[in-house]
């Protein structure tokens, strides 16, 4: 007899046929039967809990294939530059000042989600403006892309950055005409200061729980964590899963933000490889960064930016170094991936994947490319040939779409090209890149279906997909990207009972209002872990 039965619903299976059924039976942590209400009702026993869906949508638990659990959680402890009342730089600085007044001297004040294009002044804060708030607290304001930050003089002092500090490879410590530090740190310069922005283990553990709770309430049952702040955060993330603080299943990329190549070397040296772990926490791909932020803009492109004829972005590694580092990870059994937004960076990663497979052929290696921003037709063809799984972020169009048009012109028609991926038979799994943008899968599905900016502009509408296709990219495709398609990602007998119930039918909803739907219930391992009040 099943423990749990769902009847009279819109069961979106996301199976190979994309079947829409009515009912599901669960025993323990597994789905044991699917079908019509009439087929499932006879299985009900005296101890079975029955949930009448009454036409609501029941879907596989959402799998976000690229986000940052610890970064999102830590952000919740800081100042949000995306708060509804933020209209100007003055508003942000006022909130930072209030936060500093609540903290003892020497404690970091962190603000996140800053976007100079969304405020009245249309500029970054200056080091001097942050110094006016406090010279006793280190202050950091992180741009929404999470690739650029501005810090005050106290932070520069703590981080041991001064006018003679050289730029790190793949990063810029910005200086004024006199060579003095402005406080702005770009790309690898920003990432390398992460280890200096300290938090207690208690704070980090609390942040991880806050993040997990938010994700579960949005219907997310599995995540592919795309990189912690540092090795301590990685360790605490694993510990939080074991201690039950984190409910979501984690496929953890072998990556930290401050020194990804050194962390990867340590993982290789420890004998780690993709797949080590269990159904709750498992080591994922080896990951490096190749270029910058799509909204920065700092991505590496083959042709100059439309907005700047002398700018083609930032690269982190030479081709030889990228091949060597990821090639070694591939050799010992890691799935390999890299952050690559611009077409030049994507081409480099494809060259790396091709070289790794030629030197050490491995069937079904499923190499990934995180973001795969500007994916031109020649690059798509190579992705198909190499069996690459791209991880696009269609939700970026809502928040950053206007800037994409400004910076990349017609290339927006090839950015995160969901339809092109599908038509070529390339399995693409969607990631939100939270906290870079909204983590809610329903928001991401709406973005993939509409590709509309916050200002209402349609961007690259030739790349829109259907609701069912977007759901599959958030479920089965995500499971495929982590070699888990036989265990989860669709509603089929024998698979894990990771499920989400919406408050109404997603297929009958206005495609432009999908994000207005609410998650009614989230189930992981057959247990209800979230229920709307």
Protein backbone atom coordinates (compact mmCIF):
# COMPACT_ATOMS: atom_id res chain seq x y z
CA UNK A 1 0.00 0.00 0.00
CA UNK A 2 1.38 3.47 -0.85
CA UNK A 3 2.10 5.98 1.91
CA UNK A 4 1.02 8.94 -0.19
CA UNK A 5 -1.34 9.31 -3.15
CA UNK A 6 -2.14 12.31 -5.33
CA UNK A 7 -5.39 12.28 -7.31
CA UNK A 8 -7.25 14.40 -9.87
CA UNK A 9 -4.35 16.63 -10.79
CA UNK A 10 -2.42 17.94 -13.75
CA UNK A 11 0.59 15.65 -13.37
CA UNK A 12 3.37 16.95 -15.60
CA UNK A 13 5.67 13.94 -15.76
CA UNK A 14 8.57 15.44 -17.79
CA UNK A 15 9.16 11.89 -18.99
CA UNK A 16 10.37 10.97 -22.46
CA UNK A 17 6.89 11.48 -23.94
CA UNK A 18 6.15 14.56 -21.78
CA UNK A 19 2.94 12.83 -20.66
CA UNK A 20 0.30 14.65 -18.65
CA UNK A 21 -1.35 12.28 -16.18
CA UNK A 22 -3.73 12.61 -13.22
CA UNK A 23 -2.44 10.62 -10.28
CA UNK A 24 0.70 9.41 -8.51
CA UNK A 25 1.40 6.93 -5.72
CA UNK A 26 4.43 7.13 -3.39
CA UNK A 27 5.85 4.48 -1.06
CA UNK A 28 8.71 5.49 1.21
CA UNK A 29 10.98 7.77 -0.81
CA UNK A 30 10.03 6.37 -4.23
CA UNK A 31 7.29 6.86 -6.78
CA UNK A 32 5.59 3.48 -7.22
CA UNK A 33 2.82 4.17 -9.72
CA UNK A 34 1.43 6.82 -12.07
CA UNK A 35 -1.70 6.96 -14.17
CA UNK A 36 -5.30 8.07 -14.10
CA UNK A 37 -7.24 8.64 -10.91
CA UNK A 38 -9.21 5.46 -11.62
CA UNK A 39 -5.97 3.46 -11.94
CA UNK A 40 -4.38 4.76 -8.74
CA UNK A 41 -7.43 4.85 -6.40
CA UNK A 42 -7.53 1.04 -5.90
CA UNK A 43 -4.01 1.17 -4.42
CA UNK A 44 -5.16 3.32 -1.49
CA UNK A 45 -4.95 1.57 1.90
CA UNK A 46 -6.12 2.51 5.39
CA UNK A 47 -2.78 4.19 6.21
CA UNK A 48 -2.43 6.02 2.91
CA UNK A 49 -2.48 9.82 2.97
CA UNK A 50 -4.56 11.04 0.04
CA UNK A 51 -4.13 14.51 -1.45
CA UNK A 52 -6.81 15.68 -3.87
CA UNK A 53 -5.05 18.00 -6.28
CA UNK A 54 -8.33 19.30 -7.70
CA UNK A 55 -6.70 20.28 -10.98
CA UNK A 56 -3.51 21.72 -9.50
CA UNK A 57 -0.19 21.01 -11.22
CA UNK A 58 2.06 18.33 -9.78
CA UNK A 59 5.59 18.45 -11.19
CA UNK A 60 8.94 16.79 -10.56
CA UNK A 61 10.90 18.73 -7.98
CA UNK A 62 12.73 21.58 -9.70
CA UNK A 63 16.47 21.17 -10.24
CA UNK A 64 18.39 24.44 -10.40
CA UNK A 65 21.53 23.53 -12.31
CA UNK A 66 23.59 26.58 -11.40
CA UNK A 67 23.38 28.67 -8.24
CA UNK A 68 25.46 29.64 -5.21
CA UNK A 69 23.92 28.42 -1.96
CA UNK A 70 26.36 30.02 0.47
CA UNK A 71 26.53 33.36 -1.36
CA UNK A 72 22.75 33.66 -1.41
CA UNK A 73 22.53 32.79 2.28
CA UNK A 74 25.24 35.26 3.30
CA UNK A 75 23.50 37.94 1.23
CA UNK A 76 20.40 37.49 3.36
CA UNK A 77 22.46 38.59 6.37
CA UNK A 78 23.50 41.82 4.62
CA UNK A 79 22.01 44.84 2.88
CA UNK A 80 19.95 44.23 -0.25
CA UNK A 81 20.45 46.76 -3.02
CA UNK A 82 17.44 45.13 -4.71
CA UNK A 83 15.02 46.03 -1.93
CA UNK A 84 11.82 47.66 -3.27
CA UNK A 85 12.56 51.04 -1.70
CA UNK A 86 15.98 51.38 -3.36
CA UNK A 87 15.81 54.08 -6.02
CA UNK A 88 19.12 55.87 -5.64
CA UNK A 89 22.66 55.55 -4.41
CA UNK A 90 21.61 57.69 -1.46
CA UNK A 91 19.11 54.98 -0.45
CA UNK A 92 21.81 52.30 -0.60
CA UNK A 93 24.31 54.31 1.42
CA UNK A 94 21.66 55.06 4.03
CA UNK A 95 20.89 51.35 4.46
CA UNK A 96 24.61 50.55 4.69
CA UNK A 97 25.00 53.26 7.34
CA UNK A 98 22.14 51.78 9.38
CA UNK A 99 23.66 48.30 9.11
CA UNK A 100 27.07 49.58 10.25
CA UNK A 101 25.46 51.21 13.28
CA UNK A 102 24.14 47.78 14.37
CA UNK A 103 27.53 46.05 14.19
CA UNK A 104 30.62 46.28 16.40
CA UNK A 105 33.71 47.98 15.00
CA UNK A 106 35.76 45.70 12.78
CA UNK A 107 32.75 43.67 11.65
CA UNK A 108 32.20 43.47 7.87
CA UNK A 109 29.26 45.39 6.40
CA UNK A 110 28.13 43.65 3.22
CA UNK A 111 25.69 44.94 0.61
CA UNK A 112 24.73 42.89 -2.42
CA UNK A 113 22.72 43.12 -5.64
CA UNK A 114 24.05 46.55 -6.64
CA UNK A 115 23.37 47.58 -10.23
CA UNK A 116 24.47 51.03 -11.35
CA UNK A 117 22.01 50.96 -14.28
CA UNK A 118 19.01 50.67 -11.92
CA UNK A 119 19.60 53.74 -9.73
CA UNK A 120 19.12 57.47 -10.30
CA UNK A 121 22.81 58.34 -10.30
CA UNK A 122 23.77 55.63 -12.83
CA UNK A 123 27.17 55.14 -11.20
CA UNK A 124 29.09 53.15 -8.62
CA UNK A 125 29.63 54.42 -5.07
CA UNK A 126 33.12 55.72 -4.39
CA UNK A 127 35.59 54.60 -1.75
CA UNK A 128 35.30 58.07 -0.20
CA UNK A 129 31.51 57.79 0.12
CA UNK A 130 31.93 54.48 1.93
CA UNK A 131 34.61 56.00 4.17
CA UNK A 132 32.11 58.69 5.19
CA UNK A 133 29.87 55.92 6.51
CA UNK A 134 32.61 54.28 8.58
CA UNK A 135 36.37 54.00 8.82
CA UNK A 136 36.07 51.41 11.60
CA UNK A 137 34.01 48.87 9.68
CA UNK A 138 35.24 47.20 6.48
CA UNK A 139 32.50 47.78 3.89
CA UNK A 140 31.91 45.92 0.65
CA UNK A 141 29.18 46.56 -1.93
CA UNK A 142 28.90 43.71 -4.43
CA UNK A 143 27.48 44.20 -7.89
CA UNK A 144 24.49 42.05 -8.89
CA UNK A 145 26.65 39.98 -11.23
CA UNK A 146 28.84 38.99 -8.23
CA UNK A 147 31.97 39.69 -10.31
CA UNK A 148 32.62 43.32 -9.24
CA UNK A 149 32.71 45.05 -5.87
CA UNK A 150 33.53 48.38 -4.25
CA UNK A 151 35.20 48.56 -0.83
CA UNK A 152 36.19 51.28 1.61
CA UNK A 153 39.65 52.17 2.94
CA UNK A 154 39.27 49.95 6.01
CA UNK A 155 38.54 46.97 3.77
CA UNK A 156 41.58 47.74 1.60
CA UNK A 157 43.69 47.87 4.75
CA UNK A 158 42.39 44.51 6.03
CA UNK A 159 42.82 42.93 2.60
CA UNK A 160 46.39 44.30 2.33
CA UNK A 161 45.64 46.03 -0.97
CA UNK A 162 47.66 49.14 -1.78
CA UNK A 163 48.80 51.15 -4.80
CA UNK A 164 51.73 48.82 -5.48
CA UNK A 165 49.64 45.63 -5.35
CA UNK A 166 49.76 44.05 -8.83
CA UNK A 167 46.58 43.04 -10.62
CA UNK A 168 45.89 39.32 -10.23
CA UNK A 169 45.65 37.26 -13.38
CA UNK A 170 42.15 37.71 -14.79
CA UNK A 171 41.35 40.63 -12.51
CA UNK A 172 41.70 44.39 -12.10
CA UNK A 173 42.36 46.43 -8.97
CA UNK A 174 41.10 49.75 -10.29
CA UNK A 175 43.29 52.83 -9.92
CA UNK A 176 42.77 56.51 -10.65
CA UNK A 177 45.07 58.64 -12.83
CA UNK A 178 47.48 59.13 -9.94
CA UNK A 179 47.68 55.39 -9.34
CA UNK A 180 45.65 55.46 -6.13
CA UNK A 181 43.14 52.66 -5.49
CA UNK A 182 39.55 53.64 -6.20
CA UNK A 183 38.14 50.76 -4.15
CA UNK A 184 36.64 49.03 -7.19
CA UNK A 185 37.68 45.40 -7.75
CA UNK A 186 36.83 43.52 -10.94
CA UNK A 187 36.66 39.80 -11.69
CA UNK A 188 39.50 37.79 -10.12
CA UNK A 189 40.51 40.77 -7.98
CA UNK A 190 37.00 40.65 -6.50
CA UNK A 191 37.00 36.87 -6.10
CA UNK A 192 40.36 36.79 -4.36
CA UNK A 193 39.22 39.12 -1.58
CA UNK A 194 36.42 36.71 -0.63
CA UNK A 195 38.67 34.94 1.88
CA UNK A 196 39.19 38.26 3.66
CA UNK A 197 35.46 38.90 4.11
CA UNK A 198 35.08 36.73 7.20
CA UNK A 199 32.07 35.21 8.93
CA UNK A 200 31.81 32.85 11.87
CA UNK A 201 30.88 29.20 11.33
CA UNK A 202 27.63 29.90 13.14
CA UNK A 203 26.80 32.73 10.73
CA UNK A 204 27.66 30.59 7.70
CA UNK A 205 25.59 27.65 8.94
CA UNK A 206 22.63 29.93 9.59
CA UNK A 207 23.04 31.44 6.11
CA UNK A 208 23.00 28.00 4.49
CA UNK A 209 19.77 27.13 6.30
CA UNK A 210 18.13 30.40 5.25
CA UNK A 211 19.07 29.72 1.63
CA UNK A 212 17.86 26.12 1.69
CA UNK A 213 14.54 27.13 3.24
CA UNK A 214 13.93 29.74 0.53
CA UNK A 215 14.84 27.33 -2.26
CA UNK A 216 12.60 24.56 -0.91
CA UNK A 217 9.69 27.01 -0.59
CA UNK A 218 10.16 27.78 -4.30
CA UNK A 219 9.84 24.08 -5.20
CA UNK A 220 13.57 23.44 -5.64
CA UNK A 221 14.51 19.94 -4.47
CA UNK A 222 18.01 19.67 -5.99
CA UNK A 223 20.70 22.21 -6.73
CA UNK A 224 23.99 22.20 -8.58
CA UNK A 225 26.09 24.46 -6.39
CA UNK A 226 28.38 26.40 -8.72
CA UNK A 227 31.01 27.43 -6.20
CA UNK A 228 31.29 28.44 -2.56
CA UNK A 229 33.13 31.50 -1.32
CA UNK A 230 36.04 29.44 0.04
CA UNK A 231 37.00 25.94 1.21
CA UNK A 232 35.49 26.49 4.67
CA UNK A 233 32.13 27.28 3.08
CA UNK A 234 32.38 24.09 1.02
CA UNK A 235 33.06 22.04 4.15
CA UNK A 236 30.22 23.69 6.07
CA UNK A 237 27.82 23.12 3.16
CA UNK A 238 28.50 19.38 3.33
CA UNK A 239 28.19 19.46 7.11
CA UNK A 240 24.88 21.35 6.93
CA UNK A 241 23.42 18.63 4.71
CA UNK A 242 24.54 15.90 7.13
CA UNK A 243 23.12 17.82 10.10
CA UNK A 244 19.75 18.38 8.40
CA UNK A 245 20.10 22.18 8.21
CA UNK A 246 19.94 21.97 4.40
CA UNK A 247 17.10 20.01 2.80
CA UNK A 248 17.91 20.43 -0.88
CA UNK A 249 20.02 17.76 -2.56
CA UNK A 250 23.39 19.15 -3.60
CA UNK A 251 25.56 18.36 -6.61
CA UNK A 252 28.59 20.39 -5.55
CA UNK A 253 30.99 21.65 -8.19
CA UNK A 254 34.65 21.36 -7.20
CA UNK A 255 35.09 25.12 -7.14
CA UNK A 256 35.57 28.02 -4.76
CA UNK A 257 35.44 31.65 -5.80
CA UNK A 258 38.70 32.96 -4.31
CA UNK A 259 41.18 30.43 -5.76
CA UNK A 260 39.42 27.85 -7.95
CA UNK A 261 42.58 26.34 -9.45
CA UNK A 262 44.17 25.70 -6.04
CA UNK A 263 40.97 24.20 -4.67
CA UNK A 264 40.69 21.94 -7.71
CA UNK A 265 44.27 20.80 -7.18
CA UNK A 266 43.47 19.95 -3.56
CA UNK A 267 40.38 17.97 -4.58
CA UNK A 268 42.38 16.03 -7.16
CA UNK A 269 45.11 15.41 -4.59
CA UNK A 270 42.53 14.10 -2.12
CA UNK A 271 41.33 11.53 -4.63
CA UNK A 272 37.97 13.18 -5.23
CA UNK A 273 36.07 12.78 -8.49
CA UNK A 274 32.59 13.42 -9.82
CA UNK A 275 30.03 11.10 -8.22
CA UNK A 276 31.68 10.71 -4.81
CA UNK A 277 28.98 11.04 -2.17
CA UNK A 278 25.33 10.04 -1.90
CA UNK A 279 21.87 11.16 -3.02
CA UNK A 280 21.94 14.10 -0.60
CA UNK A 281 25.43 15.48 -1.26
CA UNK A 282 27.56 14.48 -4.19
CA UNK A 283 30.72 15.88 -5.78
CA UNK A 284 29.94 17.39 -9.18
CA UNK A 285 32.15 18.68 -11.99
CA UNK A 286 35.53 20.34 -11.76
CA UNK A 287 34.93 24.01 -12.54
CA UNK A 288 37.07 27.00 -13.49
CA UNK A 289 36.26 30.52 -14.70
CA UNK A 290 37.28 31.62 -18.19
CA UNK A 291 35.74 35.09 -18.49
CA UNK A 292 33.59 37.66 -16.73
CA UNK A 293 30.06 38.89 -16.22
CA UNK A 294 27.47 39.27 -18.98
CA UNK A 295 26.02 42.36 -17.32
CA UNK A 296 29.36 43.80 -16.11
CA UNK A 297 30.14 43.71 -18.98
CA UNK A 298 33.40 41.77 -18.80
CA UNK A 299 32.73 38.65 -20.90
CA UNK A 300 35.30 37.59 -23.52
CA UNK A 301 33.95 38.06 -27.05
CA UNK A 302 35.35 37.34 -30.50
CA UNK A 303 34.24 40.77 -31.73
CA UNK A 304 34.27 44.00 -29.70
CA UNK A 305 31.26 45.03 -27.67
CA UNK A 306 28.61 46.99 -29.55
CA UNK A 307 28.89 49.60 -26.79
CA UNK A 308 32.71 49.78 -26.85
CA UNK A 309 34.66 49.13 -30.06
CA UNK A 310 37.90 48.63 -28.09
CA UNK A 311 36.62 46.16 -25.51
CA UNK A 312 36.50 42.35 -25.90
CA UNK A 313 36.36 41.53 -22.20
CA UNK A 314 38.53 39.62 -19.73
CA UNK A 315 40.04 36.13 -19.91
CA UNK A 316 41.26 34.29 -16.82
CA UNK A 317 43.53 31.68 -18.41
CA UNK A 318 45.53 30.95 -21.51
CA UNK A 319 44.34 28.05 -23.66
CA UNK A 320 47.31 25.96 -22.52
CA UNK A 321 46.62 26.54 -18.84
CA UNK A 322 42.89 25.83 -19.18
CA UNK A 323 43.63 22.62 -21.09
CA UNK A 324 46.15 21.50 -18.51
CA UNK A 325 44.03 22.13 -15.43
CA UNK A 326 40.69 20.80 -16.69
CA UNK A 327 42.42 18.12 -18.77
CA UNK A 328 43.96 16.64 -15.62
CA UNK A 329 40.57 16.70 -13.88
CA UNK A 330 39.02 14.90 -16.86
CA UNK A 331 41.80 12.32 -16.85
CA UNK A 332 41.14 11.21 -13.27
CA UNK A 333 37.35 11.00 -13.70
CA UNK A 334 35.87 14.44 -13.13
CA UNK A 335 33.09 15.78 -15.28
CA UNK A 336 34.54 19.12 -16.37
CA UNK A 337 32.95 22.52 -16.78
CA UNK A 338 33.80 26.20 -16.90
CA UNK A 339 32.08 29.54 -16.53
CA UNK A 340 32.00 30.86 -20.11
CA UNK A 341 29.73 33.73 -21.14
CA UNK A 342 31.27 35.26 -24.28
CA UNK A 343 31.70 33.40 -27.57
CA UNK A 344 35.49 33.65 -27.29
CA UNK A 345 35.43 32.03 -23.85
CA UNK A 346 32.98 29.34 -25.03
CA UNK A 347 35.29 28.54 -27.94
CA UNK A 348 38.21 28.14 -25.54
CA UNK A 349 36.23 25.75 -23.34
CA UNK A 350 35.17 23.70 -26.37
CA UNK A 351 38.83 23.51 -27.47
CA UNK A 352 39.70 22.34 -23.96
CA UNK A 353 36.97 19.67 -23.94
CA UNK A 354 37.99 18.42 -27.36
CA UNK A 355 41.65 18.17 -26.34
CA UNK A 356 40.76 16.36 -23.09
CA UNK A 357 38.65 13.78 -24.94
CA UNK A 358 41.28 13.24 -27.60
CA UNK A 359 43.97 12.64 -25.00
CA UNK A 360 41.83 10.55 -22.64
CA UNK A 361 38.66 9.37 -24.41
CA UNK A 362 35.77 8.67 -22.06
CA UNK A 363 32.27 7.71 -23.20
CA UNK A 364 29.39 9.77 -21.84
CA UNK A 365 31.65 12.27 -20.08
CA UNK A 366 28.91 14.95 -20.29
CA UNK A 367 31.17 18.01 -20.13
CA UNK A 368 29.26 21.16 -19.26
CA UNK A 369 29.53 24.87 -19.99
CA UNK A 370 28.13 27.13 -17.30
CA UNK A 371 26.01 29.95 -18.80
CA UNK A 372 27.08 29.45 -22.45
CA UNK A 373 26.04 33.07 -22.99
CA UNK A 374 26.69 34.01 -26.63
CA UNK A 375 26.37 30.64 -28.36
CA UNK A 376 26.81 31.28 -32.07
CA UNK A 377 25.84 28.56 -34.62
CA UNK A 378 29.41 27.25 -35.09
CA UNK A 379 29.73 26.82 -31.34
CA UNK A 380 26.38 25.04 -31.13
CA UNK A 381 27.54 22.54 -33.72
CA UNK A 382 30.65 21.77 -31.69
CA UNK A 383 28.59 21.42 -28.49
CA UNK A 384 26.46 18.82 -30.22
CA UNK A 385 29.48 16.90 -31.51
CA UNK A 386 31.21 16.91 -28.11
CA UNK A 387 28.11 16.01 -26.09
CA UNK A 388 28.27 19.24 -24.10
CA UNK A 389 25.53 20.11 -21.60
CA UNK A 390 25.13 23.92 -21.56
CA UNK A 391 23.61 25.60 -18.49
CA UNK A 392 21.85 28.80 -19.71
CA UNK A 393 20.16 31.45 -17.55
CA UNK A 394 17.08 32.82 -19.31
CA UNK A 395 16.02 34.76 -16.18
CA UNK A 396 18.90 37.15 -16.87
CA UNK A 397 16.87 38.73 -19.68
CA UNK A 398 14.36 40.22 -17.25
CA UNK A 399 16.92 41.96 -15.07
CA UNK A 400 19.77 42.61 -17.49
CA UNK A 401 18.19 42.42 -20.95
CA UNK A 402 18.33 46.13 -21.75
CA UNK A 403 22.06 46.14 -21.01
CA UNK A 404 22.55 43.10 -23.23
CA UNK A 405 21.02 44.91 -26.17
CA UNK A 406 23.22 47.95 -25.48
CA UNK A 407 26.44 45.97 -25.05
CA UNK A 408 26.04 43.14 -27.57
CA UNK A 409 23.57 44.36 -30.20
CA UNK A 410 22.25 41.63 -32.51
CA UNK A 411 24.19 39.01 -30.57
CA UNK A 412 21.32 38.94 -28.06
CA UNK A 413 19.55 36.66 -30.56
CA UNK A 414 22.16 34.01 -29.76
CA UNK A 415 22.32 34.57 -26.00
CA UNK A 416 21.17 31.62 -23.88
CA UNK A 417 19.55 30.21 -27.04
CA UNK A 418 17.11 27.68 -25.60
CA UNK A 419 15.33 26.96 -28.87
CA UNK A 420 18.57 26.44 -30.79
CA UNK A 421 19.74 24.03 -28.13
CA UNK A 422 16.52 22.05 -28.42
CA UNK A 423 16.38 22.00 -32.21
CA UNK A 424 19.94 20.67 -32.38
CA UNK A 425 19.27 17.98 -29.79
CA UNK A 426 21.54 19.61 -27.20
CA UNK A 427 20.33 18.89 -23.67
CA UNK A 428 20.42 22.23 -21.82
CA UNK A 429 19.60 22.53 -18.12
CA UNK A 430 18.47 25.87 -16.69
CA UNK A 431 20.19 27.58 -13.77
CA UNK A 432 19.17 30.78 -11.99
CA UNK A 433 22.72 31.71 -10.87
CA UNK A 434 21.14 32.88 -7.61
CA UNK A 435 21.89 35.33 -6.04
CA UNK A 436 22.72 36.99 -9.37
CA UNK A 437 19.04 36.91 -10.24
CA UNK A 438 15.71 35.56 -8.97
CA UNK A 439 16.03 31.96 -7.77
CA UNK A 440 12.38 30.99 -8.30
CA UNK A 441 12.03 28.33 -11.02
CA UNK A 442 8.59 29.67 -11.95
CA UNK A 443 10.26 32.99 -12.70
CA UNK A 444 12.90 31.22 -14.79
CA UNK A 445 10.26 29.27 -16.71
CA UNK A 446 8.36 32.49 -17.46
CA UNK A 447 11.60 34.09 -18.68
CA UNK A 448 12.39 31.14 -20.99
CA UNK A 449 8.88 31.26 -22.44
CA UNK A 450 8.77 35.05 -22.95
CA UNK A 451 12.34 36.50 -22.99
CA UNK A 452 11.04 39.89 -21.85
CA UNK A 453 13.00 42.54 -19.97
CA UNK A 454 11.67 44.35 -16.91
CA UNK A 455 10.98 47.32 -19.20
CA UNK A 456 8.81 45.09 -21.42
CA UNK A 457 11.20 44.65 -24.35
CA UNK A 458 11.16 41.29 -26.15
CA UNK A 459 14.75 40.13 -26.61
CA UNK A 460 15.66 37.38 -29.04
CA UNK A 461 12.10 36.04 -29.29
CA UNK A 462 13.27 33.46 -31.80
CA UNK A 463 14.76 31.59 -28.83
CA UNK A 464 11.56 31.25 -26.77
CA UNK A 465 10.34 27.76 -25.83
CA UNK A 466 7.07 26.22 -24.68
CA UNK A 467 6.08 25.91 -21.03
CA UNK A 468 6.55 22.14 -21.14
CA UNK A 469 10.00 22.50 -22.69
CA UNK A 470 11.04 25.00 -20.02
CA UNK A 471 9.76 22.70 -17.27
CA UNK A 472 11.77 19.82 -18.71
CA UNK A 473 14.89 22.01 -18.74
CA UNK A 474 14.29 22.64 -15.03
CA UNK A 475 13.70 18.96 -14.18
CA UNK A 476 14.81 16.01 -16.34
CA UNK A 477 17.55 17.98 -18.09
CA UNK A 478 18.94 19.05 -14.71
CA UNK A 479 19.04 15.42 -13.61
CA UNK A 480 20.82 14.51 -16.84
CA UNK A 481 23.43 17.22 -16.24
CA UNK A 482 24.40 15.43 -13.00
CA UNK A 483 24.11 11.83 -14.35
CA UNK A 484 20.93 11.35 -12.28
CA UNK A 485 18.24 10.99 -14.94
CA UNK A 486 17.58 7.39 -13.89
CA UNK A 487 16.91 8.47 -10.29
CA UNK A 488 15.07 11.77 -10.50
CA UNK A 489 13.93 14.58 -12.80
CA UNK A 490 10.63 13.05 -13.94
CA UNK A 491 7.55 11.51 -12.40
CA UNK A 492 7.97 7.82 -13.15
CA UNK A 493 7.73 4.63 -11.12
CA UNK A 494 11.00 3.79 -9.40
CA UNK A 495 12.28 7.37 -9.19
CA UNK A 496 12.80 9.44 -6.08
CA UNK A 497 9.66 11.08 -4.74
CA UNK A 498 10.86 14.67 -5.15
CA UNK A 499 7.75 16.59 -6.13
CA UNK A 500 6.22 20.04 -6.15
CA UNK A 501 2.56 21.08 -6.17
CA UNK A 502 1.54 24.49 -7.50
CA UNK A 503 -1.54 26.38 -6.36
CA UNK A 504 -3.19 26.01 -9.79
CA UNK A 505 -2.56 24.75 -13.32
CA UNK A 506 0.64 25.98 -14.92
CA UNK A 507 -0.49 24.84 -18.37
CA UNK A 508 -3.67 26.93 -18.19
CA UNK A 509 -1.92 29.98 -16.76
CA UNK A 510 -1.17 33.11 -18.79
CA UNK A 511 2.40 32.47 -20.07
CA UNK A 512 3.29 36.06 -19.16
CA UNK A 513 2.13 35.51 -15.55
CA UNK A 514 3.64 32.13 -14.69
CA UNK A 515 5.79 33.72 -11.98
CA UNK A 516 2.57 34.77 -10.21
CA UNK A 517 1.78 31.13 -9.48
CA UNK A 518 2.70 29.92 -6.01
CA UNK A 519 4.22 26.71 -4.72
CA UNK A 520 1.65 24.94 -2.56
CA UNK A 521 3.80 22.03 -1.38
CA UNK A 522 7.33 20.66 -1.77
CA UNK A 523 8.15 17.00 -1.17
CA UNK A 524 11.65 15.49 -0.90
CA UNK A 525 12.18 11.75 -0.41
CA UNK A 526 8.44 11.32 0.00
CA UNK A 527 8.35 13.74 2.96
CA UNK A 528 6.54 17.09 2.93
CA UNK A 529 9.27 19.67 3.61
CA UNK A 530 7.27 22.78 2.76
CA UNK A 531 3.57 23.62 2.72
CA UNK A 532 2.14 27.05 2.06
CA UNK A 533 0.12 28.54 4.89
